[in-house]
Structures are given as C-alpha cells and as structure tokens.
Protein backbone atom coordinates (compact mmCIF):
# COMPACT_ATOMS: atom_id res chain seq x y z
CA MET A 1 -0.01 -0.07 0.06
CA SER A 2 2.48 2.60 -0.92
CA ASN A 3 0.07 5.16 -2.59
CA LEU A 4 -3.20 5.67 -4.17
CA HIS A 5 -1.85 4.75 -7.53
CA ASN A 6 -0.57 1.52 -6.67
CA LEU A 7 -3.66 0.25 -4.81
CA SER A 8 -5.53 -2.45 -6.44
CA PHE A 9 -8.56 -1.45 -4.16
CA SER A 10 -9.22 -5.13 -3.41
CA LYS A 11 -11.66 -5.86 -0.70
CA LYS A 12 -8.70 -6.92 1.62
CA GLU A 13 -6.92 -3.53 1.05
CA LEU A 14 -10.19 -1.59 1.65
CA GLU A 15 -10.76 -3.70 4.79
CA ASN A 16 -7.51 -2.74 5.98
CA ALA A 17 -8.19 0.88 5.54
CA VAL A 18 -11.52 0.72 7.20
CA ARG A 19 -10.23 -1.11 10.09
CA ILE A 20 -8.62 2.07 11.43
CA PHE A 21 -12.14 3.19 12.43
CA TYR A 22 -14.01 -0.24 12.66
CA GLU A 23 -11.46 -2.86 14.12
CA ASN A 24 -13.12 -6.05 13.44
CA CYS A 25 -15.23 -5.10 10.23
CA LYS A 26 -15.68 -7.20 7.09
CA VAL A 27 -16.13 -5.50 3.65
CA VAL A 28 -19.13 -7.11 2.15
CA TYR A 29 -19.07 -5.08 -1.20
CA ALA A 30 -17.30 -2.08 -2.52
CA LYS A 31 -18.87 -0.43 -5.53
CA ARG A 32 -16.53 2.24 -6.96
CA LEU A 33 -18.13 5.39 -8.10
CA ALA A 34 -16.87 6.65 -11.56
CA ARG A 35 -17.34 10.26 -10.82
CA GLY A 36 -14.50 12.46 -9.87
CA PHE A 37 -10.69 12.17 -10.51
CA MET A 38 -9.25 13.50 -7.19
CA ASN A 39 -10.03 10.64 -5.07
CA TYR A 40 -10.88 6.91 -5.15
CA VAL A 41 -14.66 7.18 -4.10
CA ALA A 42 -16.67 4.11 -3.42
CA GLU A 43 -20.01 2.88 -1.74
CA ILE A 44 -18.91 0.25 0.88
CA LYS A 45 -20.97 -2.06 2.96
CA ILE A 46 -19.37 -3.70 5.88
CA THR A 47 -20.52 -6.12 8.79
CA ASN A 48 -19.42 -5.91 12.49
CA PRO A 49 -20.93 -3.15 12.53
CA PHE A 50 -23.57 -3.30 9.78
CA LYS A 51 -22.99 -0.10 7.84
CA THR A 52 -23.08 1.23 4.31
CA PHE A 53 -21.30 4.41 3.56
CA ILE A 54 -19.21 6.45 1.16
CA LEU A 55 -15.31 5.99 1.36
CA LYS A 56 -13.17 8.59 -0.06
CA ILE A 57 -9.38 7.68 -0.22
CA SER A 58 -6.88 10.45 -1.44
CA ASN A 59 -3.12 11.05 -1.48
CA GLN A 60 -3.64 14.57 -3.00
CA GLU A 61 -1.88 17.52 -1.42
CA LYS A 62 -2.90 20.93 -0.04
CA LYS A 63 -5.80 22.43 -2.04
CA TYR A 64 -7.28 18.99 -3.12
CA SER A 65 -6.77 17.27 0.09
CA ILE A 66 -9.43 15.43 2.14
CA GLU A 67 -8.54 17.54 5.27
CA LYS A 68 -9.83 20.39 3.24
CA GLU A 69 -12.97 18.67 2.30
CA VAL A 70 -13.59 17.96 6.13
CA PHE A 71 -13.01 21.79 6.82
CA VAL A 72 -15.62 22.78 4.05
CA ILE A 73 -18.27 20.27 4.95
CA LYS A 74 -18.13 21.33 8.55
CA LEU A 75 -18.40 24.98 7.57
CA LEU A 76 -21.40 24.19 5.42
CA GLU A 77 -23.09 22.25 8.37
CA LYS A 78 -22.74 25.36 10.38
CA ASN A 79 -24.44 27.31 7.83
CA ASN A 80 -27.31 25.10 7.12
CA VAL A 81 -26.16 23.94 3.68
CA SER A 82 -27.09 20.29 3.30
CA ALA A 83 -23.79 18.35 2.63
CA PRO A 84 -22.95 14.75 3.40
CA LYS A 85 -22.64 13.98 7.09
CA ILE A 86 -19.06 13.02 8.20
CA ILE A 87 -18.84 9.80 9.76
CA LYS A 88 -14.95 9.15 10.43
CA TYR A 89 -11.86 10.71 8.87
CA ASP A 90 -8.11 10.43 9.19
CA TYR A 91 -5.86 12.81 7.27
CA SER A 92 -2.79 12.20 9.48
CA LYS A 93 -1.28 9.79 6.89
CA LYS A 94 0.38 8.08 10.00
CA LYS A 95 -0.98 4.40 9.34
CA PHE A 96 -1.42 4.74 5.50
CA PRO A 97 0.21 7.13 3.04
CA PHE A 98 -3.07 8.54 2.12
CA GLU A 99 -6.04 10.34 3.67
CA ILE A 100 -9.46 8.63 4.41
CA LEU A 101 -12.92 10.03 4.72
CA ILE A 102 -16.18 8.32 5.55
CA LEU A 103 -19.40 10.03 4.68
CA LYS A 104 -23.12 8.97 5.24
CA LYS A 105 -24.66 8.18 1.97
CA PHE A 106 -27.66 10.11 0.56
CA ASN A 107 -30.64 8.20 -0.11
CA GLY A 108 -31.50 9.86 -3.28
CA MET A 109 -30.19 9.94 -6.83
CA ILE A 110 -27.73 11.94 -8.71
CA LEU A 111 -29.70 14.90 -10.59
CA ASN A 112 -27.72 14.20 -13.80
CA ASP A 113 -29.00 10.67 -13.89
CA VAL A 114 -32.73 11.46 -13.62
CA TRP A 115 -33.17 15.07 -14.95
CA LYS A 116 -34.73 13.90 -18.07
CA LYS A 117 -37.36 12.03 -16.16
CA ILE A 118 -38.39 15.06 -14.12
CA ASP A 119 -41.37 17.07 -15.35
CA LYS A 120 -40.65 20.77 -16.41
CA LYS A 121 -42.47 22.11 -13.32
CA ASP A 122 -40.12 20.11 -10.94
CA GLN A 123 -37.15 21.10 -13.08
CA ILE A 124 -37.71 24.78 -12.76
CA LYS A 125 -38.18 24.48 -8.89
CA ILE A 126 -35.06 22.40 -8.54
CA ALA A 127 -33.30 25.13 -10.59
CA TYR A 128 -34.77 27.87 -8.31
CA ASP A 129 -33.58 25.83 -5.20
CA LEU A 130 -30.11 25.20 -6.57
CA GLY A 131 -29.62 28.94 -7.32
CA LYS A 132 -30.78 29.50 -3.65
CA ILE A 133 -28.31 26.93 -2.21
CA LEU A 134 -25.38 28.40 -4.31
CA ALA A 135 -26.26 31.72 -2.82
CA LYS A 136 -26.22 30.34 0.60
CA ILE A 137 -22.54 29.10 0.01
CA ASN A 138 -21.57 32.29 -1.21
CA SER A 139 -23.01 33.99 1.83
CA ILE A 140 -20.11 32.44 3.92
CA LYS A 141 -17.69 35.46 4.13
CA PHE A 142 -13.87 35.69 4.76
CA LYS A 143 -11.59 38.58 5.21
CA LYS A 144 -8.74 37.51 2.40
CA PHE A 145 -8.91 35.74 -0.89
CA ALA A 146 -7.29 32.32 -0.28
CA ALA A 147 -6.92 28.71 -1.44
CA ILE A 148 -7.98 26.26 1.06
CA HIS A 149 -4.97 23.89 1.74
CA GLY A 150 -6.38 21.88 4.81
CA PHE A 151 -8.31 22.26 8.02
CA ASN A 152 -8.05 26.16 8.74
CA LYS A 153 -5.04 26.17 6.35
CA PHE A 154 -4.89 28.71 3.65
CA LYS A 155 -2.74 30.18 0.95
CA PHE A 156 -3.61 33.84 0.99
CA TYR A 157 -3.58 36.43 -1.84
CA LYS A 158 -3.11 40.19 -1.44
CA ASN A 159 -5.91 40.52 -4.00
CA TYR A 160 -7.90 38.33 -6.42
CA TYR A 161 -5.74 39.58 -9.53
CA GLU A 162 -2.61 38.17 -7.94
CA ALA A 163 -4.37 34.73 -7.52
CA VAL A 164 -5.72 34.77 -11.08
CA ASN A 165 -2.44 35.75 -12.72
CA LYS A 166 -0.50 33.14 -10.99
CA ASP A 167 -2.94 30.48 -11.91
CA ILE A 168 -2.87 31.49 -15.70
CA HIS A 169 0.89 31.55 -15.71
CA ASP A 170 0.80 27.86 -14.30
CA VAL A 171 -1.81 26.69 -16.76
CA PHE A 172 0.25 28.27 -19.59
CA LYS A 173 3.22 26.36 -18.62
CA GLU A 174 1.48 23.00 -18.81
CA HIS A 175 -0.29 24.06 -22.08
CA LYS A 176 3.05 24.64 -23.78
CA LYS A 177 4.20 21.23 -23.17
CA ILE A 178 1.15 19.74 -25.15
CA ASN A 179 1.22 22.51 -27.90
CA PHE A 180 -2.55 22.31 -28.42
CA LEU A 181 -3.33 26.10 -28.24
CA GLU A 182 -1.98 28.45 -30.73
CA LYS A 183 0.66 30.97 -29.45
CA GLU A 184 -1.63 33.65 -30.46
CA THR A 185 -4.06 32.39 -27.99
CA TYR A 186 -1.71 33.15 -24.92
CA LYS A 187 -1.02 36.58 -26.08
CA ARG A 188 -4.84 37.35 -26.39
CA VAL A 189 -5.38 36.01 -22.98
CA LYS A 190 -2.75 37.99 -21.30
CA LYS A 191 -4.04 41.08 -23.07
CA VAL A 192 -7.66 40.62 -21.99
CA PHE A 193 -6.63 40.05 -18.27
CA LYS A 194 -4.48 43.11 -18.31
CA LYS A 195 -7.41 45.18 -19.82
CA TYR A 196 -9.87 44.12 -17.15
CA LYS A 197 -7.23 44.09 -14.23
CA PRO A 198 -9.04 47.24 -12.57
CA LEU A 199 -12.31 45.09 -12.56
CA PHE A 200 -10.38 42.21 -10.72
CA LEU A 201 -8.85 44.71 -8.26
CA LYS A 202 -12.23 45.84 -7.27
CA PHE A 203 -13.10 42.55 -5.77
CA LYS A 204 -13.20 43.20 -2.10
CA LYS A 205 -15.66 40.41 -0.50
CA PRO A 206 -14.06 37.19 -0.67
CA VAL A 207 -16.65 34.21 -0.05
CA LEU A 208 -16.74 30.40 -0.02
CA VAL A 209 -17.18 28.99 -3.51
CA HIS A 210 -18.00 25.50 -4.42
CA ASN A 211 -16.39 25.75 -7.75
CA ASP A 212 -17.71 22.47 -9.09
CA PHE A 213 -21.42 23.05 -8.82
CA TRP A 214 -23.46 21.13 -11.58
CA PHE A 215 -26.03 18.27 -11.63
CA ASP A 216 -23.36 15.76 -11.11
CA HIS A 217 -22.87 16.94 -7.46
CA VAL A 218 -26.40 17.44 -6.50
CA PHE A 219 -28.59 14.47 -4.99
CA VAL A 220 -32.34 14.64 -5.44
CA LYS A 221 -34.89 12.69 -3.71
CA LYS A 222 -38.29 11.48 -5.10
CA SER A 223 -41.35 11.80 -2.63
CA LYS A 224 -44.88 11.40 -3.80
CA ASN A 225 -43.99 11.92 -7.50
CA ARG A 226 -42.06 14.96 -6.88
CA TYR A 227 -38.36 15.51 -6.94
CA LYS A 228 -36.65 17.62 -4.44
CA VAL A 229 -32.79 18.56 -3.68
CA GLU A 230 -31.54 16.28 -1.00
CA GLY A 231 -27.98 17.58 -0.90
CA ILE A 232 -24.63 19.02 -2.39
CA ILE A 233 -21.59 16.90 -2.68
CA ASP A 234 -17.71 17.04 -3.83
CA PHE A 235 -15.82 20.15 -2.33
CA GLY A 236 -12.43 19.37 -3.65
CA PHE A 237 -12.42 22.54 -5.75
CA ALA A 238 -13.86 24.85 -3.07
CA GLY A 239 -11.90 28.08 -2.30
CA ILE A 240 -12.23 31.61 -0.95
CA PHE A 241 -12.68 33.84 -3.98
CA PRO A 242 -15.31 36.10 -5.76
CA LYS A 243 -18.92 34.75 -5.86
CA GLU A 244 -19.08 35.12 -9.83
CA MET A 245 -16.33 32.36 -9.95
CA ASP A 246 -19.11 29.86 -9.01
CA PHE A 247 -21.15 30.51 -12.15
CA VAL A 248 -18.67 29.00 -14.48
CA LYS A 249 -19.95 25.33 -14.03
CA PRO A 250 -23.73 26.50 -14.04
CA HIS A 251 -23.03 28.38 -17.19
CA ARG A 252 -21.62 25.25 -18.76
CA TRP A 253 -23.77 22.42 -17.58
CA ILE A 254 -27.05 23.95 -16.12
CA PHE A 255 -27.78 27.01 -18.25
CA ASP A 256 -27.47 24.82 -21.19
CA LYS A 257 -30.79 23.20 -20.08
CA GLY A 258 -32.90 26.09 -21.40
CA LYS A 259 -33.61 29.77 -20.71
CA ASP A 260 -36.25 28.77 -18.26
CA ILE A 261 -34.02 26.65 -16.13
CA GLU A 262 -31.26 29.47 -16.28
CA ASN A 263 -33.82 32.21 -15.32
CA ALA A 264 -35.12 30.03 -12.29
CA PHE A 265 -31.73 29.53 -11.05
CA MET A 266 -30.80 33.26 -11.39
CA GLU A 267 -33.90 34.08 -9.71
CA GLY A 268 -33.29 31.57 -6.72
CA TYR A 269 -29.62 33.04 -6.45
CA GLN A 270 -30.73 36.68 -6.46
CA SER A 271 -33.44 36.00 -4.04
CA LEU A 272 -30.60 36.14 -1.46
CA ILE A 273 -27.65 37.88 -3.21
CA LYS A 274 -27.89 40.51 -6.06
CA LEU A 275 -25.57 40.51 -8.62
CA ASP A 276 -24.08 43.82 -10.25
CA LYS A 277 -23.97 45.18 -13.75
CA ASN A 278 -20.63 43.76 -14.28
CA PHE A 279 -21.78 40.17 -13.75
CA LYS A 280 -21.71 38.85 -17.51
CA THR A 281 -18.20 40.41 -18.13
CA LEU A 282 -16.91 38.60 -15.07
CA LEU A 283 -18.48 35.31 -15.98
CA TYR A 284 -16.80 35.52 -19.40
CA LEU A 285 -13.59 36.30 -17.76
CA PHE A 286 -13.98 33.23 -15.22
CA ARG A 287 -14.96 31.17 -18.31
CA VAL A 288 -11.63 31.96 -20.07
CA HIS A 289 -9.79 31.42 -16.84
CA PHE A 290 -11.44 27.93 -16.00
CA ASP A 291 -11.66 26.69 -19.69
CA LEU A 292 -7.94 26.98 -20.03
CA PHE A 293 -7.52 24.25 -17.50
CA PHE A 294 -10.52 22.48 -18.58
CA ILE A 295 -9.10 22.21 -22.24
CA TYR A 296 -5.77 20.93 -20.85
CA ARG A 297 -7.31 18.32 -18.63
CA LEU A 298 -9.47 17.21 -21.73
CA TYR A 299 -6.43 16.85 -23.98
CA LYS A 300 -4.53 14.81 -21.44
CA THR A 301 -7.42 12.47 -21.01
CA HIS A 302 -7.56 12.02 -24.89
CA GLN A 303 -10.98 13.65 -25.35
CA ILE A 304 -9.77 15.66 -28.31
CA LYS A 305 -13.09 16.34 -29.95
CA LEU A 306 -14.45 17.84 -26.74
CA ALA A 307 -11.10 19.80 -26.25
CA LYS A 308 -11.52 21.20 -29.72
CA GLU A 309 -15.10 22.26 -28.88
CA TYR A 310 -14.11 24.08 -25.72
CA LYS A 311 -11.21 25.81 -27.56
CA ASN A 312 -13.63 27.27 -29.98
CA LYS A 313 -15.66 28.47 -27.02
CA LEU A 314 -12.52 29.97 -25.36
CA ASN A 315 -11.98 32.02 -28.69
CA HIS A 316 -15.64 33.08 -28.61
CA PHE A 317 -15.38 34.50 -25.03
CA LEU A 318 -11.99 36.02 -25.92
CA SER A 319 -13.67 37.70 -28.77
CA ILE A 320 -16.68 39.18 -26.64
CA LEU A 321 -14.23 40.39 -24.08
CA GLU A 322 -11.77 42.08 -26.63
CA ASN A 323 -14.65 43.93 -28.30
CA ALA A 324 -16.28 45.16 -25.35
CA ARG A 325 -15.49 48.61 -24.28
CA GLY A 326 -14.10 47.37 -20.98
CA ILE A 327 -15.25 48.66 -17.45
C-alpha cells in the first residue's frame, strides 16, 4: 500500500483501511463510483458493525486534500447547507500514506442521472432551489482571498488579480508542453486580463465558492412523485474567492438546459444575493480562466473532440471581451 495509484482497491486492501475506524469489520462489497478524478470514491458495505457508507481515499496534497474537504463540509453544516454527514476521517497519514474520509450516503439519486425523467415544473423548482443553495454557500464570508489547503490552512493572496495571474501563468506552462493552443491565444488571454485588471482589483468581498456546482454534484430525492434537492457533494475545488467564479459550471452545464432553467436558477440566487452590472463580463472572464485548465485536462485524457469544442468556446469568449468597451 505505497500510495493511491499503486492500490488495487481489493476488498482486503479496503478492509485494512476501514479497520482503522472499525477494528473487526468485514467488507461485504465495494462499488466504485466513477465520478471524480481527485479521489478513489466508493460505496462500501461492511458487517461488524452493519453499515453502508461512502469511502473516499486520497493522497492529494494541499488544495485537493481530504483535510480541506472536512473543513468545508463542517463549515457548510454550520451554515445550514445540506452536505454529506461526516462519519469518520483520518488525514494524518500515520498509518497509511493517504487520507481517508467516511461519509453518510445520501438516499436519493444524482440529479444528472434522472434530470430527463423530471417534469418541467419540478425542473424549474429544482433550478430555483439550486440557485438559492449556491447563494447560501456564497454568503459565507472571509476577510482575504485564499486557496484552502487543509483544515483552517490557507494560501492567502493580496488581491484576486494576484491569484488569477499566478494560476494562468501555471496553466500556460502546462499548455506549452502539449502544444494544443496557438501561441496567439496566450497573447490574447494576457491582453484581455490586463485590460480587465481594474475590474479584478475591485473585488473586496471574498466568499466560499464550491467551484464545481452542477448536476453531477447534486442529489435529489423522489417523494410522492415530486423530486426535491437532498444535498450537495464534492468540495475538492472549493476556495475563498469572488462569488461570480461559482457561475462557471452552471454556465457550462446547467444553463444549457434552457432559458427557463437559467432564469429560475438566477432568480433563486438573487433572492438572497444581488449581482451587479458587471456580472456577465466577469462570468466570461472566469470562463476563459477555467476553460484554459479544462481544455488542458480534456486533451490529457484524450478527449480531443471535446477539447477542440472548448477551444472554440474559449476563442468566442475572448472575442466578446476584446470587443467590449471595458469597465
């Protein structure tokens, strides 16, 4: 058991890991969940004691650690946001070279799996509720912008522009290794972010952002033929940044479900938090920022067709920002 990538995730290995919490347990089954690439995630059933739960194993460091996820879940719990209940965790790496988290399993279904089965009225209500949940997450305020690197452990930034500039620099370095983007694209991105630097410097209100908020990370429960949101999962990308950052994933994969869904989501969000006149500009800037990394990841996982599609979208957003009059 040297590290996450050398594990076979056999029942015996998983049993050894879980036994740091349940000394005499026996694994009945382990059903690996395909979603997510940062951690090994599985539904586990054990005997002695009889329990079924979600197990997460990770050897990721700092901003993707399970220690960080424990911090975020506990913070959400204090602020009445429905996240999975933590049962046990160990991020000490004293016994194993990886972190372990055990979570209570939601009873419902992943929204993405059942969305097409839900009637329009319930879809609109769910979209409204999701907007409101995101606003509740974004209502958790901090004093400084920061990446979360553990339990109450942060990498602070003087301002948001410093954070975004470093991130883009790091992504460019990775992109240049694969040579998928044209050199002109790097120049365009730098020029656009310089143009909108005053807008980034105006950010003064750091908040908790989920950073991966879409249907794959939402559980819904059916009761009397109606679907309702049960809870939100997956906080590996969470950070302390501008609230507008949290609209990238909805813009990609929620608003594409129709204008009525987008309107309901935005109405739910703005029932708690009002967005200012620069929202659309900021959203496009965040799309450029996030899509640079997403394109790289798609290419590295051999999803070339999709990488080309998002490269076209990147050029589209850059064109809008280049042609706009600015702030």
